[in-house]
Structures are given as C-alpha cells and as structure tokens.
Amino acid sequence: MTTQDSQPTPSLEENILKILTRDSAKTLSAPEVAQAIAPEADWHSLLMPIRRAAVALAQAGRLVIYRKGKPADPLDFRGVYRLGLPRQD
C-alpha cells in the first residue's frame, strides 16, 4: 500500500479569508470571491454558501459585511453586499 501526501482541502471560510487577505484594504463582492475560488467552474453555485460562511465569519469578528459602504448586521442584511477584513485603525 502506498501513501500519498495529501493536504486537506481548505474550507470555504479559509478560502474567503485568504482571498480578502491578498488586498486587505479592498472589499470584494460575493461574485468576485466566488470567481476567485472557482475561476474555471460554475461559480454561481458558490454564492449562497459564501453568504452563509460570511455570516459565520462576521459573527466571529473575522470579517465585515458591508452594505452601501457601511458595516451591516450579519443577521439582517439584504441585497448587494461586499466583504472585507476588519480594520485595524
């Protein structure tokens, strides 16, 4: 029996944070995050999982959900939103 070096697949939450860390001064929309995660695949199917992961990360204080340029309540937002890392002001 042979063993293979397999690295665990990063979770969706880890992928979102990794993408946001690339340019921490910038916010990204859910479609931008989805396209970064799956550039060659059908990224539309990732939109709802990204929203759920973003809510969980926002509740944990690891990212901020923005609506119309202002931080939104992660449990009560609708429509177009953007994701960003918490500011270290």
PDB file of N, CA and C in Angstrom:
ATOM      1  N   MET A   1       0.839  -1.167   0.000  1.00  0.00           N
ATOM      2  CA  MET A   1       0.000   0.000   0.000  1.00  0.00           C
ATOM      3  C   MET A   1       0.890   1.238   0.000  1.00  0.00           C
ATOM      4  N   THR A   2       0.591   2.169  -0.854  1.00  0.00           N
ATOM      5  CA  THR A   2       1.391   3.390  -0.921  1.00  0.00           C
ATOM      6  C   THR A   2       0.642   4.514  -0.232  1.00  0.00           C
ATOM      7  N   THR A   3       1.423   5.430   0.297  1.00  0.00           N
ATOM      8  CA  THR A   3       0.806   6.596   0.930  1.00  0.00           C
ATOM      9  C   THR A   3       1.024   7.796   0.042  1.00  0.00           C
ATOM     10  N   GLN A   4       0.029   8.632  -0.004  1.00  0.00           N
ATOM     11  CA  GLN A   4       0.124   9.844  -0.802  1.00  0.00           C
ATOM     12  C   GLN A   4       0.145  11.036   0.128  1.00  0.00           C
ATOM     13  N   ASP A   5       0.925  12.038  -0.244  1.00  0.00           N
ATOM     14  CA  ASP A   5       0.919  13.280   0.511  1.00  0.00           C
ATOM     15  C   ASP A   5      -0.309  14.062   0.083  1.00  0.00           C
ATOM     16  N   SER A   6      -1.273  14.082   0.949  1.00  0.00           N
ATOM     17  CA  SER A   6      -2.482  14.830   0.614  1.00  0.00           C
ATOM     18  C   SER A   6      -2.679  15.924   1.654  1.00  0.00           C
ATOM     19  N   GLN A   7      -2.879  17.101   1.146  1.00  0.00           N
ATOM     20  CA  GLN A   7      -3.136  18.217   2.036  1.00  0.00           C
ATOM     21  C   GLN A   7      -4.634  18.384   2.154  1.00  0.00           C
ATOM     22  N   PRO A   8      -5.104  18.725   3.345  1.00  0.00           N
ATOM     23  CA  PRO A   8      -6.543  18.907   3.484  1.00  0.00           C
ATOM     24  C   PRO A   8      -7.027  20.076   2.625  1.00  0.00           C
ATOM     25  N   THR A   9      -8.205  19.918   2.081  1.00  0.00           N
ATOM     26  CA  THR A   9      -8.792  20.979   1.266  1.00  0.00           C
ATOM     27  C   THR A   9      -9.194  22.122   2.183  1.00  0.00           C
ATOM     28  N   PRO A  10      -8.779  23.362   1.843  1.00  0.00           N
ATOM     29  CA  PRO A  10      -9.167  24.484   2.700  1.00  0.00           C
ATOM     30  C   PRO A  10     -10.686  24.660   2.707  1.00  0.00           C
ATOM     31  N   SER A  11     -11.198  25.021   3.858  1.00  0.00           N
ATOM     32  CA  SER A  11     -12.636  25.245   3.961  1.00  0.00           C
ATOM     33  C   SER A  11     -13.012  26.513   3.208  1.00  0.00           C
ATOM     34  N   LEU A  12     -14.286  26.671   2.975  1.00  0.00           N
ATOM     35  CA  LEU A  12     -14.770  27.863   2.292  1.00  0.00           C
ATOM     36  C   LEU A  12     -14.404  29.109   3.091  1.00  0.00           C
ATOM     37  N   GLU A  13     -14.545  29.030   4.405  1.00  0.00           N
ATOM     38  CA  GLU A  13     -14.187  30.165   5.258  1.00  0.00           C
ATOM     39  C   GLU A  13     -12.714  30.534   5.100  1.00  0.00           C
ATOM     40  N   GLU A  14     -11.845  29.523   5.093  1.00  0.00           N
ATOM     41  CA  GLU A  14     -10.413  29.764   4.916  1.00  0.00           C
ATOM     42  C   GLU A  14     -10.128  30.392   3.554  1.00  0.00           C
ATOM     43  N   ASN A  15     -10.809  29.908   2.516  1.00  0.00           N
ATOM     44  CA  ASN A  15     -10.629  30.463   1.172  1.00  0.00           C
ATOM     45  C   ASN A  15     -11.051  31.929   1.121  1.00  0.00           C
ATOM     46  N   ILE A  16     -12.178  32.254   1.740  1.00  0.00           N
ATOM     47  CA  ILE A  16     -12.665  33.638   1.742  1.00  0.00           C
ATOM     48  C   ILE A  16     -11.644  34.547   2.425  1.00  0.00           C
ATOM     49  N   LEU A  17     -11.160  34.136   3.588  1.00  0.00           N
ATOM     50  CA  LEU A  17     -10.189  34.954   4.319  1.00  0.00           C
ATOM     51  C   LEU A  17      -8.882  35.093   3.543  1.00  0.00           C
ATOM     52  N   LYS A  18      -8.454  34.022   2.895  1.00  0.00           N
ATOM     53  CA  LYS A  18      -7.224  34.058   2.095  1.00  0.00           C
ATOM     54  C   LYS A  18      -7.361  35.063   0.946  1.00  0.00           C
ATOM     55  N   ILE A  19      -8.504  35.052   0.284  1.00  0.00           N
ATOM     56  CA  ILE A  19      -8.738  35.977  -0.834  1.00  0.00           C
ATOM     57  C   ILE A  19      -8.774  37.417  -0.336  1.00  0.00           C
ATOM     58  N   LEU A  20      -9.449  37.650   0.782  1.00  0.00           N
ATOM     59  CA  LEU A  20      -9.529  39.007   1.331  1.00  0.00           C
ATOM     60  C   LEU A  20      -8.175  39.497   1.840  1.00  0.00           C
ATOM     61  N   THR A  21      -7.330  38.588   2.282  1.00  0.00           N
ATOM     62  CA  THR A  21      -6.013  38.951   2.796  1.00  0.00           C
ATOM     63  C   THR A  21      -5.084  39.430   1.686  1.00  0.00           C
ATOM     64  N   ARG A  22      -5.321  39.011   0.460  1.00  0.00           N
ATOM     65  CA  ARG A  22      -4.464  39.425  -0.659  1.00  0.00           C
ATOM     66  C   ARG A  22      -4.383  40.939  -0.770  1.00  0.00           C
ATOM     67  N   ASP A  23      -5.492  41.616  -0.547  1.00  0.00           N
ATOM     68  CA  ASP A  23      -5.521  43.082  -0.555  1.00  0.00           C
ATOM     69  C   ASP A  23      -6.476  43.513   0.548  1.00  0.00           C
ATOM     70  N   SER A  24      -5.961  43.579   1.760  1.00  0.00           N
ATOM     71  CA  SER A  24      -6.810  43.793   2.926  1.00  0.00           C
ATOM     72  C   SER A  24      -7.485  45.160   2.949  1.00  0.00           C
ATOM     73  N   ALA A  25      -7.024  46.115   2.138  1.00  0.00           N
ATOM     74  CA  ALA A  25      -7.640  47.440   2.111  1.00  0.00           C
ATOM     75  C   ALA A  25      -8.865  47.465   1.199  1.00  0.00           C
ATOM     76  N   LYS A  26      -9.119  46.373   0.510  1.00  0.00           N
ATOM     77  CA  LYS A  26     -10.163  46.326  -0.506  1.00  0.00           C
ATOM     78  C   LYS A  26     -11.317  45.439  -0.028  1.00  0.00           C
ATOM     79  N   THR A  27     -12.532  45.786  -0.454  1.00  0.00           N
ATOM     80  CA  THR A  27     -13.668  44.899  -0.222  1.00  0.00           C
ATOM     81  C   THR A  27     -14.000  44.192  -1.524  1.00  0.00           C
ATOM     82  N   LEU A  28     -14.609  43.026  -1.407  1.00  0.00           N
ATOM     83  CA  LEU A  28     -14.965  42.239  -2.583  1.00  0.00           C
ATOM     84  C   LEU A  28     -16.422  41.815  -2.498  1.00  0.00           C
ATOM     85  N   SER A  29     -17.060  41.731  -3.641  1.00  0.00           N
ATOM     86  CA  SER A  29     -18.435  41.238  -3.696  1.00  0.00           C
ATOM     87  C   SER A  29     -18.406  39.711  -3.645  1.00  0.00           C
ATOM     88  N   ALA A  30     -19.552  39.117  -3.341  1.00  0.00           N
ATOM     89  CA  ALA A  30     -19.646  37.657  -3.313  1.00  0.00           C
ATOM     90  C   ALA A  30     -19.297  37.041  -4.674  1.00  0.00           C
ATOM     91  N   PRO A  31     -19.776  37.614  -5.808  1.00  0.00           N
ATOM     92  CA  PRO A  31     -19.358  37.046  -7.098  1.00  0.00           C
ATOM     93  C   PRO A  31     -17.844  37.129  -7.331  1.00  0.00           C
ATOM     94  N   GLU A  32     -17.208  38.192  -6.872  1.00  0.00           N
ATOM     95  CA  GLU A  32     -15.743  38.298  -7.025  1.00  0.00           C
ATOM     96  C   GLU A  32     -15.044  37.219  -6.210  1.00  0.00           C
ATOM     97  N   VAL A  33     -15.526  36.968  -5.009  1.00  0.00           N
ATOM     98  CA  VAL A  33     -14.943  35.913  -4.174  1.00  0.00           C
ATOM     99  C   VAL A  33     -15.182  34.549  -4.831  1.00  0.00           C
ATOM    100  N   ALA A  34     -16.401  34.312  -5.304  1.00  0.00           N
ATOM    101  CA  ALA A  34     -16.723  33.031  -5.942  1.00  0.00           C
ATOM    102  C   ALA A  34     -15.849  32.783  -7.167  1.00  0.00           C
ATOM    103  N   GLN A  35     -15.642  33.807  -7.982  1.00  0.00           N
ATOM    104  CA  GLN A  35     -14.802  33.660  -9.171  1.00  0.00           C
ATOM    105  C   GLN A  35     -13.349  33.415  -8.796  1.00  0.00           C
ATOM    106  N   ALA A  36     -12.897  33.986  -7.699  1.00  0.00           N
ATOM    107  CA  ALA A  36     -11.520  33.745  -7.251  1.00  0.00           C
ATOM    108  C   ALA A  36     -11.354  32.314  -6.744  1.00  0.00           C
ATOM    109  N   ILE A  37     -12.395  31.770  -6.126  1.00  0.00           N
ATOM    110  CA  ILE A  37     -12.330  30.404  -5.613  1.00  0.00           C
ATOM    111  C   ILE A  37     -12.420  29.386  -6.745  1.00  0.00           C
ATOM    112  N   ALA A  38     -13.310  29.626  -7.700  1.00  0.00           N
ATOM    113  CA  ALA A  38     -13.541  28.666  -8.789  1.00  0.00           C
ATOM    114  C   ALA A  38     -13.538  29.384 -10.133  1.00  0.00           C
ATOM    115  N   PRO A  39     -12.361  29.836 -10.586  1.00  0.00           N
ATOM    116  CA  PRO A  39     -12.313  30.628 -11.824  1.00  0.00           C
ATOM    117  C   PRO A  39     -12.743  29.855 -13.081  1.00  0.00           C
ATOM    118  N   GLU A  40     -12.552  28.569 -13.094  1.00  0.00           N
ATOM    119  CA  GLU A  40     -12.863  27.782 -14.283  1.00  0.00           C
ATOM    120  C   GLU A  40     -14.207  27.073 -14.171  1.00  0.00           C
ATOM    121  N   ALA A  41     -14.816  27.093 -13.009  1.00  0.00           N
ATOM    122  CA  ALA A  41     -16.046  26.327 -12.779  1.00  0.00           C
ATOM    123  C   ALA A  41     -17.262  27.247 -12.742  1.00  0.00           C
ATOM    124  N   ASP A  42     -18.403  26.634 -12.502  1.00  0.00           N
ATOM    125  CA  ASP A  42     -19.640  27.401 -12.349  1.00  0.00           C
ATOM    126  C   ASP A  42     -19.658  27.984 -10.944  1.00  0.00           C
ATOM    127  N   TRP A  43     -19.208  29.211 -10.821  1.00  0.00           N
ATOM    128  CA  TRP A  43     -19.081  29.849  -9.515  1.00  0.00           C
ATOM    129  C   TRP A  43     -20.412  30.305  -8.942  1.00  0.00           C
ATOM    130  N   HIS A  44     -21.461  30.340  -9.751  1.00  0.00           N
ATOM    131  CA  HIS A  44     -22.773  30.788  -9.263  1.00  0.00           C
ATOM    132  C   HIS A  44     -23.285  29.920  -8.108  1.00  0.00           C
ATOM    133  N   SER A  45     -22.949  28.642  -8.139  1.00  0.00           N
ATOM    134  CA  SER A  45     -23.408  27.737  -7.086  1.00  0.00           C
ATOM    135  C   SER A  45     -22.736  28.022  -5.745  1.00  0.00           C
ATOM    136  N   LEU A  46     -21.687  28.827  -5.749  1.00  0.00           N
ATOM    137  CA  LEU A  46     -20.987  29.170  -4.506  1.00  0.00           C
ATOM    138  C   LEU A  46     -21.584  30.382  -3.788  1.00  0.00           C
ATOM    139  N   LEU A  47     -22.479  31.107  -4.431  1.00  0.00           N
ATOM    140  CA  LEU A  47     -22.952  32.370  -3.852  1.00  0.00           C
ATOM    141  C   LEU A  47     -23.666  32.189  -2.512  1.00  0.00           C
ATOM    142  N   MET A  48     -24.569  31.247  -2.394  1.00  0.00           N
ATOM    143  CA  MET A  48     -25.256  31.042  -1.111  1.00  0.00           C
ATOM    144  C   MET A  48     -24.317  30.473  -0.045  1.00  0.00           C
ATOM    145  N   PRO A  49     -23.474  29.486  -0.374  1.00  0.00           N
ATOM    146  CA  PRO A  49     -22.517  29.029   0.640  1.00  0.00           C
ATOM    147  C   PRO A  49     -21.573  30.153   1.094  1.00  0.00           C
ATOM    148  N   ILE A  50     -21.172  31.032   0.180  1.00  0.00           N
ATOM    149  CA  ILE A  50     -20.310  32.161   0.561  1.00  0.00           C
ATOM    150  C   ILE A  50     -21.058  33.084   1.515  1.00  0.00           C
ATOM    151  N   ARG A  51     -22.321  33.326   1.242  1.00  0.00           N
ATOM    152  CA  ARG A  51     -23.109  34.186   2.131  1.00  0.00           C
ATOM    153  C   ARG A  51     -23.194  33.575   3.533  1.00  0.00           C
ATOM    154  N   ARG A  52     -23.481  32.273   3.608  1.00  0.00           N
ATOM    155  CA  ARG A  52     -23.567  31.611   4.918  1.00  0.00           C
ATOM    156  C   ARG A  52     -22.222  31.651   5.639  1.00  0.00           C
ATOM    157  N   ALA A  53     -21.138  31.398   4.914  1.00  0.00           N
ATOM    158  CA  ALA A  53     -19.804  31.433   5.520  1.00  0.00           C
ATOM    159  C   ALA A  53     -19.453  32.847   5.971  1.00  0.00           C
ATOM    160  N   ALA A  54     -19.830  33.843   5.179  1.00  0.00           N
ATOM    161  CA  ALA A  54     -19.556  35.236   5.528  1.00  0.00           C
ATOM    162  C   ALA A  54     -20.292  35.638   6.800  1.00  0.00           C
ATOM    163  N   VAL A  55     -21.532  35.193   6.942  1.00  0.00           N
ATOM    164  CA  VAL A  55     -22.292  35.499   8.157  1.00  0.00           C
ATOM    165  C   VAL A  55     -21.595  34.883   9.367  1.00  0.00           C
ATOM    166  N   ALA A  56     -21.174  33.628   9.253  1.00  0.00           N
ATOM    167  CA  ALA A  56     -20.486  32.962  10.362  1.00  0.00           C
ATOM    168  C   ALA A  56     -19.176  33.680  10.700  1.00  0.00           C
ATOM    169  N   LEU A  57     -18.416  34.052   9.669  1.00  0.00           N
ATOM    170  CA  LEU A  57     -17.146  34.759   9.904  1.00  0.00           C
ATOM    171  C   LEU A  57     -17.379  36.140  10.507  1.00  0.00           C
ATOM    172  N   ALA A  58     -18.429  36.819  10.073  1.00  0.00           N
ATOM    173  CA  ALA A  58     -18.737  38.141  10.614  1.00  0.00           C
ATOM    174  C   ALA A  58     -19.155  38.031  12.078  1.00  0.00           C
ATOM    175  N   GLN A  59     -19.928  37.026  12.410  1.00  0.00           N
ATOM    176  CA  GLN A  59     -20.332  36.825  13.797  1.00  0.00           C
ATOM    177  C   GLN A  59     -19.122  36.527  14.689  1.00  0.00           C
ATOM    178  N   ALA A  60     -18.116  35.894  14.110  1.00  0.00           N
ATOM    179  CA  ALA A  60     -16.888  35.587  14.858  1.00  0.00           C
ATOM    180  C   ALA A  60     -15.917  36.767  14.861  1.00  0.00           C
ATOM    181  N   GLY A  61     -16.260  37.846  14.162  1.00  0.00           N
ATOM    182  CA  GLY A  61     -15.393  39.020  14.131  1.00  0.00           C
ATOM    183  C   GLY A  61     -14.212  38.916  13.186  1.00  0.00           C
ATOM    184  N   ARG A  62     -14.253  37.963  12.254  1.00  0.00           N
ATOM    185  CA  ARG A  62     -13.123  37.742  11.349  1.00  0.00           C
ATOM    186  C   ARG A  62     -13.255  38.474  10.025  1.00  0.00           C
ATOM    187  N   LEU A  63     -14.461  38.933   9.688  1.00  0.00           N
ATOM    188  CA  LEU A  63     -14.651  39.776   8.515  1.00  0.00           C
ATOM    189  C   LEU A  63     -15.839  40.690   8.754  1.00  0.00           C
ATOM    190  N   VAL A  64     -15.990  41.657   7.863  1.00  0.00           N
ATOM    191  CA  VAL A  64     -17.082  42.617   7.964  1.00  0.00           C
ATOM    192  C   VAL A  64     -17.900  42.531   6.682  1.00  0.00           C
ATOM    193  N   ILE A  65     -19.215  42.530   6.843  1.00  0.00           N
ATOM    194  CA  ILE A  65     -20.124  42.568   5.704  1.00  0.00           C
ATOM    195  C   ILE A  65     -20.558  44.015   5.534  1.00  0.00           C
ATOM    196  N   TYR A  66     -20.351  44.542   4.327  1.00  0.00           N
ATOM    197  CA  TYR A  66     -20.698  45.935   4.042  1.00  0.00           C
ATOM    198  C   TYR A  66     -21.908  45.993   3.130  1.00  0.00           C
ATOM    199  N   ARG A  67     -22.786  46.917   3.425  1.00  0.00           N
ATOM    200  CA  ARG A  67     -23.950  47.191   2.586  1.00  0.00           C
ATOM    201  C   ARG A  67     -23.977  48.694   2.380  1.00  0.00           C
ATOM    202  N   LYS A  68     -23.932  49.117   1.130  1.00  0.00           N
ATOM    203  CA  LYS A  68     -23.888  50.541   0.780  1.00  0.00           C
ATOM    204  C   LYS A  68     -22.730  51.256   1.481  1.00  0.00           C
ATOM    205  N   GLY A  69     -21.593  50.565   1.564  1.00  0.00           N
ATOM    206  CA  GLY A  69     -20.376  51.154   2.114  1.00  0.00           C
ATOM    207  C   GLY A  69     -20.292  51.206   3.624  1.00  0.00           C
ATOM    208  N   LYS A  70     -21.299  50.687   4.308  1.00  0.00           N
ATOM    209  CA  LYS A  70     -21.305  50.724   5.769  1.00  0.00           C
ATOM    210  C   LYS A  70     -21.421  49.308   6.317  1.00  0.00           C
ATOM    211  N   PRO A  71     -20.810  49.049   7.478  1.00  0.00           N
ATOM    212  CA  PRO A  71     -20.949  47.716   8.072  1.00  0.00           C
ATOM    213  C   PRO A  71     -22.422  47.361   8.293  1.00  0.00           C
ATOM    214  N   ALA A  72     -22.757  46.139   7.962  1.00  0.00           N
ATOM    215  CA  ALA A  72     -24.139  45.666   8.085  1.00  0.00           C
ATOM    216  C   ALA A  72     -24.232  44.622   9.194  1.00  0.00           C
ATOM    217  N   ASP A  73     -25.405  44.490   9.744  1.00  0.00           N
ATOM    218  CA  ASP A  73     -25.673  43.449  10.729  1.00  0.00           C
ATOM    219  C   ASP A  73     -25.639  42.112   9.986  1.00  0.00           C
ATOM    220  N   PRO A  74     -24.763  41.188  10.373  1.00  0.00           N
ATOM    221  CA  PRO A  74     -24.663  39.929   9.637  1.00  0.00           C
ATOM    222  C   PRO A  74     -25.938  39.091   9.664  1.00  0.00           C
ATOM    223  N   LEU A  75     -26.800  39.341  10.624  1.00  0.00           N
ATOM    224  CA  LEU A  75     -28.032  38.564  10.707  1.00  0.00           C
ATOM    225  C   LEU A  75     -29.216  39.264  10.055  1.00  0.00           C
ATOM    226  N   ASP A  76     -28.993  40.488   9.554  1.00  0.00           N
ATOM    227  CA  ASP A  76     -30.115  41.241   8.992  1.00  0.00           C
ATOM    228  C   ASP A  76     -29.649  42.168   7.875  1.00  0.00           C
ATOM    229  N   PHE A  77     -29.269  41.581   6.734  1.00  0.00           N
ATOM    230  CA  PHE A  77     -28.904  42.391   5.576  1.00  0.00           C
ATOM    231  C   PHE A  77     -29.482  41.749   4.328  1.00  0.00           C
ATOM    232  N   ARG A  78     -29.764  42.590   3.373  1.00  0.00           N
ATOM    233  CA  ARG A  78     -30.349  42.116   2.121  1.00  0.00           C
ATOM    234  C   ARG A  78     -29.646  42.779   0.956  1.00  0.00           C
ATOM    235  N   GLY A  79     -29.810  42.176  -0.211  1.00  0.00           N
ATOM    236  CA  GLY A  79     -29.317  42.788  -1.426  1.00  0.00           C
ATOM    237  C   GLY A  79     -27.819  42.629  -1.627  1.00  0.00           C
ATOM    238  N   VAL A  80     -27.292  43.565  -2.377  1.00  0.00           N
ATOM    239  CA  VAL A  80     -25.877  43.535  -2.747  1.00  0.00           C
ATOM    240  C   VAL A  80     -25.032  43.854  -1.517  1.00  0.00           C
ATOM    241  N   TYR A  81     -23.992  43.069  -1.325  1.00  0.00           N
ATOM    242  CA  TYR A  81     -23.101  43.288  -0.182  1.00  0.00           C
ATOM    243  C   TYR A  81     -21.668  43.029  -0.604  1.00  0.00           C
ATOM    244  N   ARG A  82     -20.760  43.524   0.206  1.00  0.00           N
ATOM    245  CA  ARG A  82     -19.332  43.323  -0.030  1.00  0.00           C
ATOM    246  C   ARG A  82     -18.705  42.792   1.245  1.00  0.00           C
ATOM    247  N   LEU A  83     -17.573  42.131   1.093  1.00  0.00           N
ATOM    248  CA  LEU A  83     -16.875  41.551   2.230  1.00  0.00           C
ATOM    249  C   LEU A  83     -15.511  42.199   2.389  1.00  0.00           C
ATOM    250  N   GLY A  84     -15.106  42.415   3.612  1.00  0.00           N
ATOM    251  CA  GLY A  84     -13.792  42.975   3.880  1.00  0.00           C
ATOM    252  C   GLY A  84     -13.283  42.494   5.224  1.00  0.00           C
ATOM    253  N   LEU A  85     -11.992  42.668   5.419  1.00  0.00           N
ATOM    254  CA  LEU A  85     -11.399  42.310   6.709  1.00  0.00           C
ATOM    255  C   LEU A  85     -11.665  43.431   7.701  1.00  0.00           C
ATOM    256  N   PRO A  86     -11.730  43.107   8.994  1.00  0.00           N
ATOM    257  CA  PRO A  86     -11.904  44.169   9.995  1.00  0.00           C
ATOM    258  C   PRO A  86     -10.726  45.129   9.925  1.00  0.00           C
ATOM    259  N   ARG A  87     -11.016  46.386  10.085  1.00  0.00           N
ATOM    260  CA  ARG A  87      -9.960  47.411  10.026  1.00  0.00           C
ATOM    261  C   ARG A  87      -9.212  47.456  11.338  1.00  0.00           C
ATOM    262  N   GLN A  88      -7.943  47.684  11.256  1.00  0.00           N
ATOM    263  CA  GLN A  88      -7.082  47.763  12.437  1.00  0.00           C
ATOM    264  C   GLN A  88      -6.703  49.209  12.727  1.00  0.00           C
ATOM    265  N   ASP A  89      -7.690  50.094  12.779  1.00  0.00           N
ATOM    266  CA  ASP A  89      -7.425  51.520  12.995  1.00  0.00           C
ATOM    267  C   ASP A  89      -6.984  51.815  14.408  1.00  0.00           C
TER     268      ASP A  89
END
